[in-house]
C-alpha atoms as a PDB file:
ATOM      1  CA  THR A   1      -2.171 -14.863  14.490  1.00  0.00           C
ATOM      2  CA  VAL A   2      -2.677 -15.971  10.910  1.00  0.00           C
ATOM      3  CA  GLU A   3      -5.623 -16.887   8.756  1.00  0.00           C
ATOM      4  CA  VAL A   4      -5.597 -19.346   5.858  1.00  0.00           C
ATOM      5  CA  TRP A   5      -8.071 -19.789   3.019  1.00  0.00           C
ATOM      6  CA  LEU A   6      -8.372 -21.273  -0.437  1.00  0.00           C
ATOM      7  CA  GLN A   7      -8.999 -18.933  -3.362  1.00  0.00           C
ATOM      8  CA  THR A   8      -9.941 -19.919  -6.909  1.00  0.00           C
ATOM      9  CA  ILE A   9      -9.680 -17.389  -9.730  1.00  0.00           C
ATOM     10  CA  SER A  10     -11.458 -18.400 -12.927  1.00  0.00           C
ATOM     11  CA  ALA A  11      -9.657 -18.524 -16.255  1.00  0.00           C
ATOM     12  CA  GLY A  12      -8.879 -15.027 -17.551  1.00  0.00           C
ATOM     13  CA  GLN A  13     -10.162 -13.270 -14.394  1.00  0.00           C
ATOM     14  CA  ARG A  14      -8.411 -10.918 -11.944  1.00  0.00           C
ATOM     15  CA  THR A  15      -8.837  -9.924  -8.341  1.00  0.00           C
ATOM     16  CA  PRO A  16      -9.679  -6.253  -7.789  1.00  0.00           C
ATOM     17  CA  ILE A  17      -6.694  -3.922  -7.407  1.00  0.00           C
ATOM     18  CA  HIS A  18      -6.341  -3.692  -3.650  1.00  0.00           C
ATOM     19  CA  ARG A  19      -4.028  -3.386  -0.672  1.00  0.00           C
ATOM     20  CA  HIS A  20      -4.439  -4.310   2.956  1.00  0.00           C
ATOM     21  CA  SER A  21      -3.050  -3.912   6.414  1.00  0.00           C
ATOM     22  CA  CYS A  22      -1.306  -7.269   6.562  1.00  0.00           C
ATOM     23  CA  GLU A  23       1.384  -9.280   4.875  1.00  0.00           C
ATOM     24  CA  GLU A  24       0.055 -11.957   2.535  1.00  0.00           C
ATOM     25  CA  VAL A  25       1.636 -15.234   1.396  1.00  0.00           C
ATOM     26  CA  PHE A  26       0.311 -17.206  -1.580  1.00  0.00           C
ATOM     27  CA  VAL A  27       1.057 -20.823  -2.475  1.00  0.00           C
ATOM     28  CA  VAL A  28      -0.077 -21.689  -5.994  1.00  0.00           C
ATOM     29  CA  LEU A  29      -1.748 -25.093  -5.931  1.00  0.00           C
ATOM     30  CA  LYS A  30      -3.006 -25.201  -9.518  1.00  0.00           C
ATOM     31  CA  GLY A  31      -2.735 -23.162 -12.706  1.00  0.00           C
ATOM     32  CA  ARG A  32      -0.610 -20.203 -13.647  1.00  0.00           C
ATOM     33  CA  GLY A  33      -0.973 -16.450 -13.673  1.00  0.00           C
ATOM     34  CA  THR A  34       0.619 -13.092 -12.979  1.00  0.00           C
ATOM     35  CA  LEU A  35       1.034 -11.071  -9.804  1.00  0.00           C
ATOM     36  CA  LEU A  36       0.943  -7.326 -10.520  1.00  0.00           C
ATOM     37  CA  LEU A  37       2.736  -5.703  -7.580  1.00  0.00           C
ATOM     38  CA  GLY A  38       3.004  -1.946  -6.989  1.00  0.00           C
ATOM     39  CA  SER A  39       5.119  -0.119  -4.433  1.00  0.00           C
ATOM     40  CA  THR A  40       4.389   2.018  -1.386  1.00  0.00           C
ATOM     41  CA  SER A  41       7.537   4.115  -1.803  1.00  0.00           C
ATOM     42  CA  LEU A  42       6.013   6.331  -4.535  1.00  0.00           C
ATOM     43  CA  PRO A  43       3.004   8.705  -4.405  1.00  0.00           C
ATOM     44  CA  TYR A  44       1.453   6.413  -7.008  1.00  0.00           C
ATOM     45  CA  PRO A  45       2.481   2.784  -7.232  1.00  0.00           C
ATOM     46  CA  GLY A  46       4.513   3.354 -10.420  1.00  0.00           C
ATOM     47  CA  THR A  47       4.997   0.652 -13.013  1.00  0.00           C
ATOM     48  CA  PRO A  48       4.044  -2.592 -11.308  1.00  0.00           C
ATOM     49  CA  GLN A  49       6.273  -5.606 -11.282  1.00  0.00           C
ATOM     50  CA  GLU A  50       4.769  -8.415 -13.346  1.00  0.00           C
ATOM     51  CA  ILE A  51       5.686 -11.607 -11.554  1.00  0.00           C
ATOM     52  CA  PRO A  52       4.748 -14.905 -13.224  1.00  0.00           C
ATOM     53  CA  VAL A  53       3.276 -17.485 -10.848  1.00  0.00           C
ATOM     54  CA  PHE A  54       2.714 -21.166 -11.518  1.00  0.00           C
ATOM     55  CA  GLN A  55       1.908 -24.408  -9.742  1.00  0.00           C
ATOM     56  CA  ASN A  56       4.043 -24.988  -6.614  1.00  0.00           C
ATOM     57  CA  SER A  57       5.353 -21.409  -6.562  1.00  0.00           C
ATOM     58  CA  THR A  58       5.087 -19.195  -3.484  1.00  0.00           C
ATOM     59  CA  PHE A  59       4.999 -15.412  -3.374  1.00  0.00           C
ATOM     60  CA  THR A  60       4.494 -12.733  -0.750  1.00  0.00           C
ATOM     61  CA  VAL A  61       2.857  -9.316  -0.801  1.00  0.00           C
ATOM     62  CA  PRO A  62       4.185  -6.827   1.779  1.00  0.00           C
ATOM     63  CA  ILE A  63       1.864  -4.762   3.986  1.00  0.00           C
ATOM     64  CA  ASN A  64       0.020  -1.994   2.076  1.00  0.00           C
ATOM     65  CA  TYR A  65       1.505  -2.817  -1.338  1.00  0.00           C
ATOM     66  CA  PRO A  66      -1.137  -2.403  -4.070  1.00  0.00           C
ATOM     67  CA  HIS A  67      -1.533  -5.632  -5.992  1.00  0.00           C
ATOM     68  CA  GLN A  68      -3.703  -7.719  -8.241  1.00  0.00           C
ATOM     69  CA  VAL A  69      -3.604 -11.423  -9.034  1.00  0.00           C
ATOM     70  CA  TRP A  70      -4.470 -12.269 -12.628  1.00  0.00           C
ATOM     71  CA  ASN A  71      -5.234 -15.715 -13.952  1.00  0.00           C
ATOM     72  CA  SER A  72      -3.596 -15.236 -17.334  1.00  0.00           C
ATOM     73  CA  ASP A  73      -4.514 -18.765 -18.448  1.00  0.00           C
ATOM     74  CA  GLU A  74      -7.615 -18.791 -20.654  1.00  0.00           C
ATOM     75  CA  HIS A  75      -8.491 -22.432 -19.949  1.00  0.00           C
ATOM     76  CA  GLU A  76      -7.618 -23.421 -16.368  1.00  0.00           C
ATOM     77  CA  ASP A  77      -8.553 -22.019 -12.949  1.00  0.00           C
ATOM     78  CA  LEU A  78      -5.821 -20.560 -10.764  1.00  0.00           C
ATOM     79  CA  GLN A  79      -6.063 -21.970  -7.256  1.00  0.00           C
ATOM     80  CA  VAL A  80      -4.024 -20.517  -4.401  1.00  0.00           C
ATOM     81  CA  LEU A  81      -3.685 -21.086  -0.693  1.00  0.00           C
ATOM     82  CA  VAL A  82      -3.590 -17.647   0.961  1.00  0.00           C
ATOM     83  CA  ILE A  83      -2.084 -16.977   4.392  1.00  0.00           C
ATOM     84  CA  ILE A  84      -2.510 -13.560   5.997  1.00  0.00           C
ATOM     85  CA  SER A  85      -1.014 -12.115   9.146  1.00  0.00           C
ATOM     86  CA  ARG A  86      -2.845 -10.103  11.769  1.00  0.00           C
ATOM     87  CA  PRO A  87      -6.523 -10.764  11.007  1.00  0.00           C
ATOM     88  CA  PRO A  88      -9.001  -9.095  10.873  1.00  0.00           C
ATOM     89  CA  VAL A  89      -7.768  -7.271   7.807  1.00  0.00           C
ATOM     90  CA  LYS A  90      -8.672  -3.777   6.617  1.00  0.00           C
ATOM     91  CA  ILE A  91      -8.807  -3.889   2.819  1.00  0.00           C
ATOM     92  CA  LEU A  92      -8.575  -0.834   0.588  1.00  0.00           C
ATOM     93  CA  PHE A  93      -9.535  -1.093  -3.051  1.00  0.00           C
ATOM     94  CA  SER A  94      -9.786   1.130  -6.071  1.00  0.00           C
ATOM     95  CA  THR A  95     -13.170   1.513  -7.738  1.00  0.00           C
ATOM     96  CA  GLU A  96     -11.552   2.950 -10.844  1.00  0.00           C
ATOM     97  CA  LYS A  97     -10.835   0.627 -13.753  1.00  0.00           C
ATOM     98  CA  LYS A  98      -7.136   1.378 -13.920  1.00  0.00           C
ATOM     99  CA  THR A  99      -3.958  -0.613 -13.708  1.00  0.00           C
ATOM    100  CA  VAL A 100      -2.006  -1.220 -10.522  1.00  0.00           C
ATOM    101  CA  SER A 101       0.376   1.528 -11.664  1.00  0.00           C
ATOM    102  CA  LYS A 102      -2.340   4.191 -12.001  1.00  0.00           C
ATOM    103  CA  VAL A 103      -4.654   3.685  -9.052  1.00  0.00           C
ATOM    104  CA  GLY A 104      -6.656   6.790  -8.177  1.00  0.00           C
ATOM    105  CA  LYS A 105      -8.577   6.990  -4.927  1.00  0.00           C
ATOM    106  CA  TRP A 106      -8.434   4.195  -2.402  1.00  0.00           C
ATOM    107  CA  HIS A 107     -11.715   3.361  -0.690  1.00  0.00           C
ATOM    108  CA  SER A 108     -11.917   1.784   2.716  1.00  0.00           C
ATOM    109  CA  VAL A 109     -14.168  -1.175   3.251  1.00  0.00           C
ATOM    110  CA  LEU A 110     -15.211  -2.906   6.414  1.00  0.00           C
ATOM    111  CA  PHE A 111     -12.796  -5.040   8.339  1.00  0.00           C
ATOM    112  CA  TRP A 112     -12.985  -8.464   6.759  1.00  0.00           C
ATOM    113  CA  THR A 113     -11.530 -11.690   7.994  1.00  0.00           C
ATOM    114  CA  ILE A 114     -12.241 -13.589   4.771  1.00  0.00           C
ATOM    115  CA  PHE A 115     -12.462 -12.252   1.219  1.00  0.00           C
ATOM    116  CA  PHE A 116     -12.366 -13.546  -2.355  1.00  0.00           C
ATOM    117  CA  LEU A 117     -13.916 -16.888  -1.479  1.00  0.00           C
END
């Protein structure tokens, strides 16, 4: 089972730092930005990979990897098609204003089937 939705991130904005119990695939339809991707192999995510994304690029986020998508363009929206496996999805997020590499406590939220719309 998969779920697909369209997400638009305004110029200069970021998603919250989060992770979830599914694999996620993004197809960038418009704009450019940066994927900040942590690791699950360390007690803390460590220094995140900074992966540039741009129109017509595709990237994946493995299950439970902390990540954040940042629209690093100051003028254009970043629009992505998001495909997730195994809905509904349990999403964990950090309420602390830190980077992906220094996430403190993870907080559980309800099971969501759609987020960031």
